Amino acid sequence: MNRKTMRKLPMMLMCAAALAATNPAMPAYAKKKTQVTRSATSDTERMRDAASSVQKAFDKKSLTDLAKLCEYPVTVFYNDGQTVEYKNQNEFKKLGEDVIFSAKMREYIGATNTAKLKIEKNGPTVMGDEFGLTLRKRNGKWRVNYFYVDSAYSSDLSDPAKVAETIQKTLYYKDLETLSQLCDYPLDIFFEDDSYKEVKSAAELKNLGEDRVCTGGLIDAVDQADPSNLPTLGENGLKIGGAKGVDMYKIGNSWKIRAIYQ
């Protein structure tokens, strides 16, 4: 190093020190904070990707696809208060489409904006509202761990005669809770005062009250029907009663009430 350079070195060091003071190096804690933020962001993205996959399975009504997105045992909460655990994919798929992919479940899951879902600190991520499901992280992957369905666990809705008998008993005892689970929504009700109402949900039906829905004339007409020999309605329908009565239709593998005539 020549003398000219040596004379300039103190000035160069002073400039370097001033520059360092103006632009300090990023402290270690700031780097860690940035890494944590990036990790949280990527985890949120993985959760939203899982939620989108769930929506696609509901769109396709594919129990096979949905079963792959569940954590086992997976728990199903039924609308009649029953809670059942399914230990593996095979058990889960035996539920059938009607329980998981009901109109109400598809409505709630489809309405979920996955882009706005957030990871909750003190609980799972929820898709849906009154009915739906929850996602939680397990072993680094986001999986469905709970379903909240609008179906009743104890109902065997595949046999029309048994369904008709259940409807007869339900109306006789004015059991709106059970009746609401036997209906497909929207439900048409033609009241005895000649008014009409389209009922959009089980909750709306129950809010009408048992006396408004389960009238004496309706109960008598339905009670006189022979469940083993019901008149047909088109290709997939059966009538319980006559001018006063209930129309039910086969939806998937289940028979559900579509219209009530008082």
C-alpha atoms as a PDB file:
ATOM      1  CA  MET A   1       0.000   0.000   0.000  1.00  0.00           C
ATOM      2  CA  ASN A   2       1.540   3.374  -1.019  1.00  0.00           C
ATOM      3  CA  ARG A   3       1.647   6.486   1.166  1.00  0.00           C
ATOM      4  CA  LYS A   4      -1.107   8.199  -0.825  1.00  0.00           C
ATOM      5  CA  THR A   5      -3.479   5.303  -0.160  1.00  0.00           C
ATOM      6  CA  MET A   6      -2.416   5.197   3.518  1.00  0.00           C
ATOM      7  CA  ARG A   7      -3.315   8.884   3.920  1.00  0.00           C
ATOM      8  CA  LYS A   8      -6.819   8.175   2.455  1.00  0.00           C
ATOM      9  CA  LEU A   9      -7.508   5.046   4.612  1.00  0.00           C
ATOM     10  CA  PRO A  10      -8.682   6.886   7.796  1.00  0.00           C
ATOM     11  CA  MET A  11     -11.187   8.857   5.704  1.00  0.00           C
ATOM     12  CA  MET A  12     -12.404   5.636   3.997  1.00  0.00           C
ATOM     13  CA  LEU A  13     -12.913   3.933   7.385  1.00  0.00           C
ATOM     14  CA  MET A  14     -14.841   6.955   8.679  1.00  0.00           C
ATOM     15  CA  CYS A  15     -17.133   6.882   5.636  1.00  0.00           C
ATOM     16  CA  ALA A  16     -17.681   3.148   6.046  1.00  0.00           C
ATOM     17  CA  ALA A  17     -18.581   3.618   9.716  1.00  0.00           C
ATOM     18  CA  ALA A  18     -21.021   6.394   8.871  1.00  0.00           C
ATOM     19  CA  LEU A  19     -22.639   4.254   6.176  1.00  0.00           C
ATOM     20  CA  ALA A  20     -23.000   1.352   8.606  1.00  0.00           C
ATOM     21  CA  ALA A  21     -24.677   3.634  11.130  1.00  0.00           C
ATOM     22  CA  THR A  22     -27.109   4.890   8.491  1.00  0.00           C
ATOM     23  CA  ASN A  23     -27.925   1.360   7.202  1.00  0.00           C
ATOM     24  CA  PRO A  24     -27.482  -1.045  10.125  1.00  0.00           C
ATOM     25  CA  ALA A  25     -27.436  -4.760   9.479  1.00  0.00           C
ATOM     26  CA  MET A  26     -30.738  -6.598  10.088  1.00  0.00           C
ATOM     27  CA  PRO A  27     -30.745  -7.916  13.668  1.00  0.00           C
ATOM     28  CA  ALA A  28     -31.175 -11.647  14.299  1.00  0.00           C
ATOM     29  CA  TYR A  29     -34.607 -11.268  15.902  1.00  0.00           C
ATOM     30  CA  ALA A  30     -35.916  -9.473  12.793  1.00  0.00           C
ATOM     31  CA  LYS A  31     -34.785 -12.367  10.609  1.00  0.00           C
ATOM     32  CA  LYS A  32     -36.578 -14.823  12.875  1.00  0.00           C
ATOM     33  CA  LYS A  33     -39.738 -12.711  12.795  1.00  0.00           C
ATOM     34  CA  THR A  34     -39.655 -12.663   8.985  1.00  0.00           C
ATOM     35  CA  GLN A  35     -39.216 -16.443   8.890  1.00  0.00           C
ATOM     36  CA  VAL A  36     -42.148 -16.970  11.268  1.00  0.00           C
ATOM     37  CA  THR A  37     -44.361 -14.677   9.180  1.00  0.00           C
ATOM     38  CA  ARG A  38     -43.476 -16.538   5.995  1.00  0.00           C
ATOM     39  CA  SER A  39     -44.131 -19.883   7.711  1.00  0.00           C
ATOM     40  CA  ALA A  40     -47.556 -18.723   8.941  1.00  0.00           C
ATOM     41  CA  THR A  41     -48.424 -17.480   5.465  1.00  0.00           C
ATOM     42  CA  SER A  42     -47.496 -20.775   3.821  1.00  0.00           C
ATOM     43  CA  ASP A  43     -49.434 -22.700   6.498  1.00  0.00           C
ATOM     44  CA  THR A  44     -52.515 -20.591   5.784  1.00  0.00           C
ATOM     45  CA  GLU A  45     -52.110 -21.330   2.088  1.00  0.00           C
ATOM     46  CA  ARG A  46     -51.941 -25.065   2.796  1.00  0.00           C
ATOM     47  CA  MET A  47     -55.090 -24.824   4.908  1.00  0.00           C
ATOM     48  CA  ARG A  48     -56.920 -22.953   2.151  1.00  0.00           C
ATOM     49  CA  ASP A  49     -55.756 -25.488  -0.434  1.00  0.00           C
ATOM     50  CA  ALA A  50     -57.212 -28.260   1.726  1.00  0.00           C
ATOM     51  CA  ALA A  51     -60.493 -26.336   2.032  1.00  0.00           C
ATOM     52  CA  SER A  52     -60.629 -25.914  -1.756  1.00  0.00           C
ATOM     53  CA  SER A  53     -60.103 -29.663  -2.186  1.00  0.00           C
ATOM     54  CA  VAL A  54     -63.006 -30.287   0.192  1.00  0.00           C
ATOM     55  CA  GLN A  55     -65.229 -28.005  -1.877  1.00  0.00           C
ATOM     56  CA  LYS A  56     -64.267 -29.859  -5.057  1.00  0.00           C
ATOM     57  CA  ALA A  57     -65.181 -33.180  -3.435  1.00  0.00           C
ATOM     58  CA  PHE A  58     -68.583 -31.714  -2.500  1.00  0.00           C
ATOM     59  CA  ASP A  59     -69.079 -30.366  -6.035  1.00  0.00           C
ATOM     60  CA  LYS A  60     -68.380 -33.842  -7.448  1.00  0.00           C
ATOM     61  CA  LYS A  61     -70.312 -35.553  -4.617  1.00  0.00           C
ATOM     62  CA  SER A  62     -67.312 -37.873  -4.344  1.00  0.00           C
ATOM     63  CA  LEU A  63     -67.115 -39.721  -1.030  1.00  0.00           C
ATOM     64  CA  THR A  64     -63.905 -41.344  -2.235  1.00  0.00           C
ATOM     65  CA  ASP A  65     -62.187 -37.969  -2.680  1.00  0.00           C
ATOM     66  CA  LEU A  66     -63.588 -36.601   0.573  1.00  0.00           C
ATOM     67  CA  ALA A  67     -62.552 -39.710   2.520  1.00  0.00           C
ATOM     68  CA  LYS A  68     -58.933 -39.049   1.535  1.00  0.00           C
ATOM     69  CA  LEU A  69     -59.153 -35.575   3.074  1.00  0.00           C
ATOM     70  CA  CYS A  70     -60.260 -36.783   6.520  1.00  0.00           C
ATOM     71  CA  GLU A  71     -58.337 -37.507   9.697  1.00  0.00           C
ATOM     72  CA  TYR A  72     -59.277 -40.821  11.291  1.00  0.00           C
ATOM     73  CA  PRO A  73     -61.152 -41.514  13.355  1.00  0.00           C
ATOM     74  CA  VAL A  74     -63.430 -38.814  11.922  1.00  0.00           C
ATOM     75  CA  THR A  75     -66.462 -37.767  13.965  1.00  0.00           C
ATOM     76  CA  VAL A  76     -69.942 -37.075  12.572  1.00  0.00           C
ATOM     77  CA  PHE A  77     -72.434 -35.110  14.662  1.00  0.00           C
ATOM     78  CA  TYR A  78     -75.981 -35.918  13.518  1.00  0.00           C
ATOM     79  CA  ASN A  79     -78.885 -33.520  13.832  1.00  0.00           C
ATOM     80  CA  ASP A  80     -80.804 -35.863  16.165  1.00  0.00           C
ATOM     81  CA  GLY A  81     -78.047 -35.602  18.775  1.00  0.00           C
ATOM     82  CA  GLN A  82     -76.186 -38.787  17.877  1.00  0.00           C
ATOM     83  CA  THR A  83     -72.376 -38.704  17.595  1.00  0.00           C
ATOM     84  CA  VAL A  84     -70.546 -41.441  15.691  1.00  0.00           C
ATOM     85  CA  GLU A  85     -66.837 -42.046  15.025  1.00  0.00           C
ATOM     86  CA  TYR A  86     -65.723 -43.676  11.775  1.00  0.00           C
ATOM     87  CA  LYS A  87     -62.356 -45.382  12.097  1.00  0.00           C
ATOM     88  CA  ASN A  88     -61.220 -45.510   8.466  1.00  0.00           C
ATOM     89  CA  GLN A  89     -62.068 -44.570   4.887  1.00  0.00           C
ATOM     90  CA  ASN A  90     -64.118 -47.711   4.256  1.00  0.00           C
ATOM     91  CA  GLU A  91     -66.382 -47.067   7.244  1.00  0.00           C
ATOM     92  CA  PHE A  92     -66.779 -43.432   6.275  1.00  0.00           C
ATOM     93  CA  LYS A  93     -67.723 -44.228   2.668  1.00  0.00           C
ATOM     94  CA  LYS A  94     -70.477 -46.581   3.838  1.00  0.00           C
ATOM     95  CA  LEU A  95     -72.356 -43.515   5.088  1.00  0.00           C
ATOM     96  CA  GLY A  96     -73.549 -42.884   1.550  1.00  0.00           C
ATOM     97  CA  GLU A  97     -73.938 -39.646  -0.360  1.00  0.00           C
ATOM     98  CA  ASP A  98     -77.252 -38.583   1.170  1.00  0.00           C
ATOM     99  CA  VAL A  99     -75.834 -38.012   4.654  1.00  0.00           C
ATOM    100  CA  ILE A 100     -72.726 -36.006   3.772  1.00  0.00           C
ATOM    101  CA  PHE A 101     -73.804 -34.438   0.474  1.00  0.00           C
ATOM    102  CA  SER A 102     -77.289 -33.310   1.474  1.00  0.00           C
ATOM    103  CA  ALA A 103     -78.606 -30.151  -0.160  1.00  0.00           C
ATOM    104  CA  LYS A 104     -78.023 -28.178   3.034  1.00  0.00           C
ATOM    105  CA  MET A 105     -74.450 -29.438   3.487  1.00  0.00           C
ATOM    106  CA  ARG A 106     -73.571 -28.643  -0.135  1.00  0.00           C
ATOM    107  CA  GLU A 107     -75.098 -25.187   0.267  1.00  0.00           C
ATOM    108  CA  TYR A 108     -73.060 -24.319   3.365  1.00  0.00           C
ATOM    109  CA  ILE A 109     -69.771 -25.784   2.149  1.00  0.00           C
ATOM    110  CA  GLY A 110     -70.169 -24.241  -1.305  1.00  0.00           C
ATOM    111  CA  ALA A 111     -70.839 -20.805   0.209  1.00  0.00           C
ATOM    112  CA  THR A 112     -67.568 -20.822   2.167  1.00  0.00           C
ATOM    113  CA  ASN A 113     -65.047 -18.306   0.809  1.00  0.00           C
ATOM    114  CA  THR A 114     -61.832 -20.318   1.126  1.00  0.00           C
ATOM    115  CA  ALA A 115     -59.691 -17.280   0.262  1.00  0.00           C
ATOM    116  CA  LYS A 116     -60.818 -15.615   3.504  1.00  0.00           C
ATOM    117  CA  LEU A 117     -60.421 -18.593   5.830  1.00  0.00           C
ATOM    118  CA  LYS A 118     -58.023 -17.994   8.709  1.00  0.00           C
ATOM    119  CA  ILE A 119     -56.170 -20.264  11.095  1.00  0.00           C
ATOM    120  CA  GLU A 120     -57.821 -19.948  14.488  1.00  0.00           C
ATOM    121  CA  LYS A 121     -55.516 -19.865  17.511  1.00  0.00           C
ATOM    122  CA  ASN A 122     -57.894 -21.539  19.945  1.00  0.00           C
ATOM    123  CA  GLY A 123     -59.865 -23.855  17.705  1.00  0.00           C
ATOM    124  CA  PRO A 124     -60.257 -25.519  14.307  1.00  0.00           C
ATOM    125  CA  THR A 125     -60.971 -23.816  11.007  1.00  0.00           C
ATOM    126  CA  VAL A 126     -64.697 -23.941  10.229  1.00  0.00           C
ATOM    127  CA  MET A 127     -66.321 -24.437   6.824  1.00  0.00           C
ATOM    128  CA  GLY A 128     -70.069 -23.858   6.861  1.00  0.00           C
ATOM    129  CA  ASP A 129     -72.367 -22.454   9.503  1.00  0.00           C
ATOM    130  CA  GLU A 130     -75.270 -24.278  11.152  1.00  0.00           C
ATOM    131  CA  PHE A 131     -74.071 -27.388   9.324  1.00  0.00           C
ATOM    132  CA  GLY A 132     -70.607 -27.997   7.908  1.00  0.00           C
ATOM    133  CA  LEU A 133     -67.216 -29.310   8.964  1.00  0.00           C
ATOM    134  CA  THR A 134     -63.961 -28.389  10.653  1.00  0.00           C
ATOM    135  CA  LEU A 135     -60.343 -28.644   9.547  1.00  0.00           C
ATOM    136  CA  ARG A 136     -57.325 -29.050  11.772  1.00  0.00           C
ATOM    137  CA  LYS A 137     -53.617 -29.570  11.241  1.00  0.00           C
ATOM    138  CA  ARG A 138     -52.272 -33.010  12.071  1.00  0.00           C
ATOM    139  CA  ASN A 139     -48.775 -34.248  11.269  1.00  0.00           C
ATOM    140  CA  GLY A 140     -48.197 -31.240   9.035  1.00  0.00           C
ATOM    141  CA  LYS A 141     -51.364 -31.759   6.963  1.00  0.00           C
ATOM    142  CA  TRP A 142     -54.777 -30.120   7.118  1.00  0.00           C
ATOM    143  CA  ARG A 143     -57.572 -32.672   7.419  1.00  0.00           C
ATOM    144  CA  VAL A 144     -61.314 -32.787   8.162  1.00  0.00           C
ATOM    145  CA  ASN A 145     -61.892 -34.000  11.718  1.00  0.00           C
ATOM    146  CA  TYR A 146     -65.573 -33.171  12.375  1.00  0.00           C
ATOM    147  CA  PHE A 147     -68.775 -33.096  10.316  1.00  0.00           C
ATOM    148  CA  TYR A 148     -71.995 -31.441  11.503  1.00  0.00           C
ATOM    149  CA  VAL A 149     -74.763 -32.840   9.278  1.00  0.00           C
ATOM    150  CA  ASP A 150     -78.470 -32.079   8.977  1.00  0.00           C
ATOM    151  CA  SER A 151     -79.411 -35.773   8.767  1.00  0.00           C
ATOM    152  CA  ALA A 152     -80.682 -37.963  11.593  1.00  0.00           C
ATOM    153  CA  TYR A 153     -78.506 -40.975  12.422  1.00  0.00           C
ATOM    154  CA  SER A 154     -81.317 -43.390  13.221  1.00  0.00           C
ATOM    155  CA  SER A 155     -83.368 -42.853  10.072  1.00  0.00           C
ATOM    156  CA  ASP A 156     -83.495 -45.585   7.435  1.00  0.00           C
ATOM    157  CA  LEU A 157     -84.892 -43.628   4.506  1.00  0.00           C
ATOM    158  CA  SER A 158     -84.274 -46.176   1.749  1.00  0.00           C
ATOM    159  CA  ASP A 159     -87.448 -48.242   2.333  1.00  0.00           C
ATOM    160  CA  PRO A 160     -90.568 -46.245   1.305  1.00  0.00           C
ATOM    161  CA  ALA A 161     -92.932 -48.344   3.454  1.00  0.00           C
ATOM    162  CA  LYS A 162     -90.808 -47.765   6.568  1.00  0.00           C
ATOM    163  CA  VAL A 163     -90.528 -44.064   5.791  1.00  0.00           C
ATOM    164  CA  ALA A 164     -94.317 -43.850   5.363  1.00  0.00           C
ATOM    165  CA  GLU A 165     -94.831 -45.560   8.735  1.00  0.00           C
ATOM    166  CA  THR A 166     -92.380 -43.137  10.343  1.00  0.00           C
ATOM    167  CA  ILE A 167     -94.240 -40.188   8.820  1.00  0.00           C
ATOM    168  CA  GLN A 168     -97.540 -41.539  10.167  1.00  0.00           C
ATOM    169  CA  LYS A 169     -96.130 -41.830  13.697  1.00  0.00           C
ATOM    170  CA  THR A 170     -94.363 -38.480  13.469  1.00  0.00           C
ATOM    171  CA  LEU A 171     -97.531 -36.627  12.477  1.00  0.00           C
ATOM    172  CA  TYR A 172     -99.637 -38.473  15.058  1.00  0.00           C
ATOM    173  CA  TYR A 173     -97.309 -37.389  17.868  1.00  0.00           C
ATOM    174  CA  LYS A 174     -96.759 -33.976  16.289  1.00  0.00           C
ATOM    175  CA  ASP A 175     -92.998 -34.501  16.413  1.00  0.00           C
ATOM    176  CA  LEU A 176     -91.746 -31.579  14.328  1.00  0.00           C
ATOM    177  CA  GLU A 177     -88.101 -32.310  15.153  1.00  0.00           C
ATOM    178  CA  THR A 178     -88.250 -35.713  13.458  1.00  0.00           C
ATOM    179  CA  LEU A 179     -90.587 -34.515  10.707  1.00  0.00           C
ATOM    180  CA  SER A 180     -88.147 -31.760   9.772  1.00  0.00           C
ATOM    181  CA  GLN A 181     -85.478 -34.426   9.120  1.00  0.00           C
ATOM    182  CA  LEU A 182     -87.797 -36.353   6.820  1.00  0.00           C
ATOM    183  CA  CYS A 183     -88.258 -33.407   4.457  1.00  0.00           C
ATOM    184  CA  ASP A 184     -86.379 -32.199   1.400  1.00  0.00           C
ATOM    185  CA  TYR A 185     -85.963 -28.442   1.140  1.00  0.00           C
ATOM    186  CA  PRO A 186     -87.398 -26.231  -0.156  1.00  0.00           C
ATOM    187  CA  LEU A 187     -90.632 -27.873   1.037  1.00  0.00           C
ATOM    188  CA  ASP A 188     -94.083 -26.900  -0.277  1.00  0.00           C
ATOM    189  CA  ILE A 189     -96.895 -26.603   2.279  1.00  0.00           C
ATOM    190  CA  PHE A 190    -100.490 -25.991   1.185  1.00  0.00           C
ATOM    191  CA  PHE A 191    -102.357 -24.948   4.318  1.00  0.00           C
ATOM    192  CA  GLU A 192    -105.995 -25.712   5.108  1.00  0.00           C
ATOM    193  CA  ASP A 193    -106.833 -21.985   4.869  1.00  0.00           C
ATOM    194  CA  ASP A 194    -105.761 -22.114   1.171  1.00  0.00           C
ATOM    195  CA  SER A 195    -102.521 -20.240   1.819  1.00  0.00           C
ATOM    196  CA  TYR A 196     -99.163 -21.531   0.587  1.00  0.00           C
ATOM    197  CA  LYS A 197     -95.623 -21.385   1.909  1.00  0.00           C
ATOM    198  CA  GLU A 198     -92.251 -22.507   0.590  1.00  0.00           C
ATOM    199  CA  VAL A 199     -90.269 -23.644   3.623  1.00  0.00           C
ATOM    200  CA  LYS A 200     -86.535 -23.343   3.039  1.00  0.00           C
ATOM    201  CA  SER A 201     -85.058 -25.173   6.042  1.00  0.00           C
ATOM    202  CA  ALA A 202     -85.727 -27.514   8.956  1.00  0.00           C
ATOM    203  CA  ALA A 203     -85.459 -24.573  11.341  1.00  0.00           C
ATOM    204  CA  GLU A 204     -88.116 -22.645   9.408  1.00  0.00           C
ATOM    205  CA  LEU A 205     -90.465 -25.643   9.483  1.00  0.00           C
ATOM    206  CA  LYS A 206     -90.059 -26.041  13.244  1.00  0.00           C
ATOM    207  CA  ASN A 207     -90.665 -22.330  13.750  1.00  0.00           C
ATOM    208  CA  LEU A 208     -94.144 -22.729  12.243  1.00  0.00           C
ATOM    209  CA  GLY A 209     -95.157 -24.771  15.269  1.00  0.00           C
ATOM    210  CA  GLU A 210     -96.685 -28.230  15.572  1.00  0.00           C
ATOM    211  CA  ASP A 211    -100.313 -27.082  15.466  1.00  0.00           C
ATOM    212  CA  ARG A 212     -99.747 -25.111  12.265  1.00  0.00           C
ATOM    213  CA  VAL A 213     -98.109 -28.069  10.494  1.00  0.00           C
ATOM    214  CA  CYS A 214     -99.693 -31.180  12.036  1.00  0.00           C
ATOM    215  CA  THR A 215    -103.413 -30.453  11.605  1.00  0.00           C
ATOM    216  CA  GLY A 216    -106.146 -32.935  12.485  1.00  0.00           C
ATOM    217  CA  GLY A 217    -107.250 -33.423   8.882  1.00  0.00           C
ATOM    218  CA  LEU A 218    -103.685 -34.106   7.717  1.00  0.00           C
ATOM    219  CA  ILE A 219    -103.046 -36.581  10.540  1.00  0.00           C
ATOM    220  CA  ASP A 220    -106.255 -38.525   9.808  1.00  0.00           C
ATOM    221  CA  ALA A 221    -105.620 -38.684   6.046  1.00  0.00           C
ATOM    222  CA  VAL A 222    -102.038 -39.909   6.432  1.00  0.00           C
ATOM    223  CA  ASP A 223    -102.981 -42.397   9.174  1.00  0.00           C
ATOM    224  CA  GLN A 224    -105.523 -44.102   6.889  1.00  0.00           C
ATOM    225  CA  ALA A 225    -102.926 -44.784   4.162  1.00  0.00           C
ATOM    226  CA  ASP A 226    -101.470 -48.272   3.648  1.00  0.00           C
ATOM    227  CA  PRO A 227     -97.657 -47.858   3.712  1.00  0.00           C
ATOM    228  CA  SER A 228     -97.188 -51.039   1.675  1.00  0.00           C
ATOM    229  CA  ASN A 229     -99.515 -49.912  -1.124  1.00  0.00           C
ATOM    230  CA  LEU A 230     -99.029 -46.211  -1.818  1.00  0.00           C
ATOM    231  CA  PRO A 231    -100.204 -44.491  -5.029  1.00  0.00           C
ATOM    232  CA  THR A 232     -97.362 -43.453  -7.319  1.00  0.00           C
ATOM    233  CA  LEU A 233     -96.509 -39.904  -8.390  1.00  0.00           C
ATOM    234  CA  GLY A 234     -94.608 -39.898 -11.676  1.00  0.00           C
ATOM    235  CA  GLU A 235     -91.461 -42.016 -11.790  1.00  0.00           C
ATOM    236  CA  ASN A 236     -89.981 -41.347  -8.343  1.00  0.00           C
ATOM    237  CA  GLY A 237     -92.880 -40.221  -6.175  1.00  0.00           C
ATOM    238  CA  LEU A 238     -95.417 -41.717  -3.759  1.00  0.00           C
ATOM    239  CA  LYS A 239     -98.485 -40.181  -2.087  1.00  0.00           C
ATOM    240  CA  ILE A 240     -99.436 -40.813   1.520  1.00  0.00           C
ATOM    241  CA  GLY A 241    -103.103 -39.887   1.841  1.00  0.00           C
ATOM    242  CA  GLY A 242    -105.291 -38.189  -0.746  1.00  0.00           C
ATOM    243  CA  ALA A 243    -106.269 -34.554  -1.271  1.00  0.00           C
ATOM    244  CA  LYS A 244    -104.952 -34.115   2.238  1.00  0.00           C
ATOM    245  CA  GLY A 245    -101.655 -35.856   2.710  1.00  0.00           C
ATOM    246  CA  VAL A 246     -97.969 -35.951   1.932  1.00  0.00           C
ATOM    247  CA  ASP A 247     -95.995 -36.331  -1.300  1.00  0.00           C
ATOM    248  CA  MET A 248     -92.595 -37.977  -0.983  1.00  0.00           C
ATOM    249  CA  TYR A 249     -89.935 -38.543  -3.622  1.00  0.00           C
ATOM    250  CA  LYS A 250     -86.846 -40.692  -3.906  1.00  0.00           C
ATOM    251  CA  ILE A 251     -83.752 -38.483  -3.767  1.00  0.00           C
ATOM    252  CA  GLY A 252     -80.599 -40.517  -4.169  1.00  0.00           C
ATOM    253  CA  ASN A 253     -81.227 -43.546  -1.958  1.00  0.00           C
ATOM    254  CA  SER A 254     -83.595 -41.774   0.429  1.00  0.00           C
ATOM    255  CA  TRP A 255     -87.308 -41.035   0.441  1.00  0.00           C
ATOM    256  CA  LYS A 256     -88.066 -37.471   1.514  1.00  0.00           C
ATOM    257  CA  ILE A 257     -91.211 -35.345   1.856  1.00  0.00           C
ATOM    258  CA  ARG A 258     -91.482 -32.741  -0.902  1.00  0.00           C
ATOM    259  CA  ALA A 259     -95.006 -31.404  -0.272  1.00  0.00           C
ATOM    260  CA  ILE A 260     -97.628 -31.325   2.489  1.00  0.00           C
ATOM    261  CA  TYR A 261    -101.337 -30.811   1.765  1.00  0.00           C
ATOM    262  CA  GLN A 262    -103.576 -29.993   4.723  1.00  0.00           C
END
